[in-house]
Amino acid sequence: MIALRHEYEIIVYGSYELLLPDDPDIYAYVRTLGDRKLLVVCSFCGRTLNYSIPEEFESGTVLISNYETKERKNGELKPYEALVIYQ
């Protein structure tokens, strides 16, 4: 994550928008810098949750994930999954 912080200015300087402020199981936010966006999604739950990646990030690049990206099913967040998508 430190290497990504040095490579992507958006992680340091991008504006922050919390997506699900009332959800105790999912921490999700977007950082925006100019026309670039970064989505961070983390599950704090030991079961699969319903969560769809916002449409604008579906074609983005997965920068880091603790699961194989090919395992991803849209609409699902695996137990304790963490993922960062750059658009």
N, C-alpha and C. Protein backbone atom coordinates (compact mmCIF):
# COMPACT_ATOMS: atom_id res chain seq x y z
N MET A 1 0.83 -1.19 0.00
CA MET A 1 0.00 0.00 0.00
C MET A 1 0.87 1.26 0.00
N ILE A 2 2.01 1.20 0.66
CA ILE A 2 2.90 2.37 0.68
C ILE A 2 3.43 2.65 -0.72
N ALA A 3 3.76 1.59 -1.47
CA ALA A 3 4.23 1.78 -2.85
C ALA A 3 3.14 2.43 -3.70
N LEU A 4 1.89 2.01 -3.52
CA LEU A 4 0.78 2.62 -4.26
C LEU A 4 0.63 4.09 -3.90
N ARG A 5 0.82 4.40 -2.65
CA ARG A 5 0.71 5.79 -2.18
C ARG A 5 1.74 6.68 -2.88
N HIS A 6 2.93 6.15 -3.13
CA HIS A 6 3.96 6.92 -3.82
C HIS A 6 3.69 7.01 -5.33
N GLU A 7 3.04 6.00 -5.88
CA GLU A 7 2.79 5.96 -7.32
C GLU A 7 1.54 6.73 -7.75
N TYR A 8 0.53 6.79 -6.89
CA TYR A 8 -0.75 7.41 -7.24
C TYR A 8 -1.03 8.60 -6.33
N GLU A 9 -0.88 9.81 -6.85
CA GLU A 9 -1.12 11.03 -6.08
C GLU A 9 -2.53 11.10 -5.50
N ILE A 10 -3.46 10.46 -6.18
CA ILE A 10 -4.86 10.50 -5.75
C ILE A 10 -5.03 9.95 -4.33
N ILE A 11 -4.19 9.01 -3.93
CA ILE A 11 -4.29 8.42 -2.60
C ILE A 11 -3.96 9.45 -1.52
N VAL A 12 -3.05 10.35 -1.83
CA VAL A 12 -2.64 11.38 -0.87
C VAL A 12 -3.48 12.64 -1.00
N TYR A 13 -3.68 13.09 -2.24
CA TYR A 13 -4.27 14.41 -2.47
C TYR A 13 -5.73 14.40 -2.91
N GLY A 14 -6.27 13.25 -3.23
CA GLY A 14 -7.65 13.20 -3.70
C GLY A 14 -8.66 13.53 -2.62
N SER A 15 -9.77 14.13 -3.03
CA SER A 15 -10.85 14.40 -2.07
C SER A 15 -11.49 13.07 -1.68
N TYR A 16 -12.05 13.02 -0.50
CA TYR A 16 -12.56 11.80 0.11
C TYR A 16 -14.08 11.87 0.21
N GLU A 17 -14.75 10.78 -0.23
CA GLU A 17 -16.20 10.68 -0.10
C GLU A 17 -16.56 9.31 0.45
N LEU A 18 -17.10 9.26 1.65
CA LEU A 18 -17.54 8.01 2.27
C LEU A 18 -18.83 7.56 1.60
N LEU A 19 -18.90 6.28 1.20
CA LEU A 19 -20.07 5.82 0.45
C LEU A 19 -21.17 5.22 1.32
N LEU A 20 -20.83 4.47 2.35
CA LEU A 20 -21.85 3.80 3.16
C LEU A 20 -21.65 4.14 4.64
N PRO A 21 -21.96 5.35 5.03
CA PRO A 21 -21.64 5.79 6.39
C PRO A 21 -22.34 5.00 7.51
N ASP A 22 -23.46 4.38 7.21
CA ASP A 22 -24.21 3.67 8.25
C ASP A 22 -24.04 2.15 8.21
N ASP A 23 -23.21 1.65 7.32
CA ASP A 23 -23.02 0.21 7.20
C ASP A 23 -21.89 -0.25 8.12
N PRO A 24 -22.17 -1.08 9.13
CA PRO A 24 -21.13 -1.51 10.06
C PRO A 24 -20.19 -2.57 9.47
N ASP A 25 -20.57 -3.19 8.35
CA ASP A 25 -19.79 -4.29 7.78
C ASP A 25 -18.93 -3.90 6.59
N ILE A 26 -19.25 -2.78 5.95
CA ILE A 26 -18.52 -2.37 4.74
C ILE A 26 -17.98 -0.96 4.91
N TYR A 27 -16.70 -0.82 4.67
CA TYR A 27 -16.07 0.51 4.63
C TYR A 27 -15.74 0.77 3.17
N ALA A 28 -16.42 1.72 2.56
CA ALA A 28 -16.22 2.02 1.14
C ALA A 28 -16.14 3.52 0.95
N TYR A 29 -15.17 3.92 0.14
CA TYR A 29 -15.04 5.35 -0.16
C TYR A 29 -14.43 5.55 -1.53
N VAL A 30 -14.60 6.77 -2.04
CA VAL A 30 -14.04 7.18 -3.33
C VAL A 30 -13.13 8.36 -3.08
N ARG A 31 -11.99 8.35 -3.73
CA ARG A 31 -11.10 9.52 -3.76
C ARG A 31 -11.14 10.04 -5.19
N THR A 32 -11.17 11.35 -5.33
CA THR A 32 -11.22 11.98 -6.64
C THR A 32 -10.13 13.04 -6.73
N LEU A 33 -9.43 13.02 -7.86
CA LEU A 33 -8.40 14.03 -8.15
C LEU A 33 -8.48 14.33 -9.64
N GLY A 34 -8.97 15.51 -9.96
CA GLY A 34 -9.17 15.86 -11.37
C GLY A 34 -10.22 14.95 -11.97
N ASP A 35 -9.89 14.29 -13.07
CA ASP A 35 -10.85 13.38 -13.71
C ASP A 35 -10.61 11.92 -13.33
N ARG A 36 -9.73 11.65 -12.39
CA ARG A 36 -9.41 10.30 -11.95
C ARG A 36 -10.13 9.98 -10.64
N LYS A 37 -10.49 8.71 -10.48
CA LYS A 37 -11.17 8.28 -9.26
C LYS A 37 -10.57 6.96 -8.77
N LEU A 38 -10.67 6.76 -7.47
CA LEU A 38 -10.16 5.56 -6.83
C LEU A 38 -11.24 5.06 -5.87
N LEU A 39 -11.62 3.81 -5.99
CA LEU A 39 -12.61 3.20 -5.11
C LEU A 39 -11.90 2.23 -4.17
N VAL A 40 -12.18 2.36 -2.88
CA VAL A 40 -11.66 1.45 -1.86
C VAL A 40 -12.86 0.81 -1.18
N VAL A 41 -12.87 -0.53 -1.14
CA VAL A 41 -13.96 -1.27 -0.50
C VAL A 41 -13.35 -2.33 0.40
N CYS A 42 -13.79 -2.36 1.65
CA CYS A 42 -13.30 -3.34 2.62
C CYS A 42 -14.48 -3.95 3.37
N SER A 43 -14.51 -5.26 3.45
CA SER A 43 -15.51 -5.96 4.24
C SER A 43 -14.93 -6.31 5.60
N PHE A 44 -15.68 -6.01 6.65
CA PHE A 44 -15.27 -6.37 8.01
C PHE A 44 -16.16 -7.48 8.54
N CYS A 45 -16.64 -8.34 7.64
CA CYS A 45 -17.60 -9.38 7.99
C CYS A 45 -17.10 -10.74 7.52
N GLY A 46 -17.40 -11.78 8.27
CA GLY A 46 -16.96 -13.13 7.94
C GLY A 46 -17.90 -13.89 7.01
N ARG A 47 -18.84 -13.19 6.42
CA ARG A 47 -19.75 -13.84 5.46
C ARG A 47 -19.82 -13.00 4.19
N THR A 48 -20.31 -13.60 3.12
CA THR A 48 -20.48 -12.88 1.85
C THR A 48 -21.58 -11.83 2.01
N LEU A 49 -21.31 -10.64 1.51
CA LEU A 49 -22.26 -9.53 1.59
C LEU A 49 -22.72 -9.11 0.21
N ASN A 50 -23.88 -8.50 0.14
CA ASN A 50 -24.37 -7.92 -1.11
C ASN A 50 -23.75 -6.55 -1.29
N TYR A 51 -22.97 -6.39 -2.35
CA TYR A 51 -22.39 -5.09 -2.67
C TYR A 51 -22.01 -5.09 -4.15
N SER A 52 -22.55 -4.15 -4.88
CA SER A 52 -22.21 -4.02 -6.30
C SER A 52 -21.22 -2.88 -6.47
N ILE A 53 -20.18 -3.15 -7.23
CA ILE A 53 -19.21 -2.11 -7.57
C ILE A 53 -19.95 -1.04 -8.38
N PRO A 54 -19.80 0.24 -8.05
CA PRO A 54 -20.44 1.28 -8.85
C PRO A 54 -20.07 1.15 -10.33
N GLU A 55 -21.03 1.37 -11.18
CA GLU A 55 -20.87 1.17 -12.62
C GLU A 55 -19.64 1.88 -13.19
N GLU A 56 -19.34 3.08 -12.71
CA GLU A 56 -18.21 3.83 -13.25
C GLU A 56 -16.87 3.14 -12.98
N PHE A 57 -16.83 2.17 -12.07
CA PHE A 57 -15.58 1.47 -11.75
C PHE A 57 -15.50 0.08 -12.35
N GLU A 58 -16.55 -0.39 -13.01
CA GLU A 58 -16.56 -1.74 -13.55
C GLU A 58 -15.45 -1.98 -14.57
N SER A 59 -15.04 -0.96 -15.29
CA SER A 59 -13.97 -1.12 -16.28
C SER A 59 -12.62 -0.63 -15.74
N GLY A 60 -12.56 -0.34 -14.45
CA GLY A 60 -11.34 0.17 -13.85
C GLY A 60 -10.28 -0.91 -13.66
N THR A 61 -9.13 -0.49 -13.20
CA THR A 61 -8.00 -1.38 -12.95
C THR A 61 -7.95 -1.71 -11.47
N VAL A 62 -7.93 -3.00 -11.14
CA VAL A 62 -7.79 -3.42 -9.75
C VAL A 62 -6.33 -3.26 -9.37
N LEU A 63 -6.05 -2.35 -8.43
CA LEU A 63 -4.67 -2.11 -8.00
C LEU A 63 -4.23 -3.09 -6.94
N ILE A 64 -5.15 -3.47 -6.09
CA ILE A 64 -4.83 -4.41 -5.02
C ILE A 64 -6.10 -5.11 -4.57
N SER A 65 -5.97 -6.38 -4.24
CA SER A 65 -7.11 -7.17 -3.76
C SER A 65 -6.56 -8.37 -2.99
N ASN A 66 -7.29 -8.81 -2.00
CA ASN A 66 -6.86 -10.00 -1.28
C ASN A 66 -7.53 -11.27 -1.81
N TYR A 67 -8.29 -11.15 -2.90
CA TYR A 67 -8.86 -12.29 -3.62
C TYR A 67 -8.47 -12.16 -5.08
N GLU A 68 -8.44 -13.29 -5.78
CA GLU A 68 -8.23 -13.25 -7.22
C GLU A 68 -9.37 -12.47 -7.85
N THR A 69 -9.05 -11.51 -8.73
CA THR A 69 -10.10 -10.69 -9.32
C THR A 69 -11.02 -11.50 -10.22
N LYS A 70 -10.53 -12.60 -10.80
CA LYS A 70 -11.39 -13.41 -11.66
C LYS A 70 -12.46 -14.16 -10.86
N GLU A 71 -12.29 -14.25 -9.53
CA GLU A 71 -13.27 -14.89 -8.67
C GLU A 71 -14.45 -13.96 -8.37
N ARG A 72 -14.31 -12.69 -8.66
CA ARG A 72 -15.30 -11.68 -8.29
C ARG A 72 -16.62 -11.89 -9.03
N LYS A 73 -17.70 -11.91 -8.27
CA LYS A 73 -19.05 -11.91 -8.83
C LYS A 73 -19.65 -10.55 -8.52
N ASN A 74 -20.16 -9.88 -9.55
CA ASN A 74 -20.77 -8.57 -9.32
C ASN A 74 -21.94 -8.73 -8.36
N GLY A 75 -22.00 -7.87 -7.40
CA GLY A 75 -23.07 -7.92 -6.41
C GLY A 75 -22.66 -8.61 -5.13
N GLU A 76 -21.43 -9.15 -5.09
CA GLU A 76 -20.97 -9.85 -3.90
C GLU A 76 -19.66 -9.29 -3.39
N LEU A 77 -19.54 -9.27 -2.10
CA LEU A 77 -18.29 -8.92 -1.43
C LEU A 77 -17.97 -10.11 -0.54
N LYS A 78 -16.85 -10.75 -0.80
CA LYS A 78 -16.47 -11.96 -0.06
C LYS A 78 -16.09 -11.61 1.39
N PRO A 79 -16.07 -12.63 2.25
CA PRO A 79 -15.69 -12.38 3.65
C PRO A 79 -14.32 -11.71 3.74
N TYR A 80 -14.25 -10.62 4.45
CA TYR A 80 -13.03 -9.85 4.70
C TYR A 80 -12.32 -9.43 3.41
N GLU A 81 -13.07 -9.24 2.35
CA GLU A 81 -12.48 -8.81 1.08
C GLU A 81 -12.08 -7.34 1.15
N ALA A 82 -10.95 -7.04 0.56
CA ALA A 82 -10.48 -5.65 0.41
C ALA A 82 -10.05 -5.46 -1.03
N LEU A 83 -10.41 -4.32 -1.59
CA LEU A 83 -10.14 -4.10 -2.99
C LEU A 83 -10.03 -2.62 -3.29
N VAL A 84 -9.10 -2.29 -4.18
CA VAL A 84 -8.89 -0.91 -4.62
C VAL A 84 -8.95 -0.89 -6.14
N ILE A 85 -9.83 -0.05 -6.69
CA ILE A 85 -10.00 0.05 -8.14
C ILE A 85 -9.73 1.47 -8.56
N TYR A 86 -8.92 1.62 -9.60
CA TYR A 86 -8.53 2.94 -10.14
C TYR A 86 -9.24 3.16 -11.47
N GLN A 87 -9.89 4.29 -11.60
CA GLN A 87 -10.60 4.62 -12.83
C GLN A 87 -10.09 5.93 -13.37
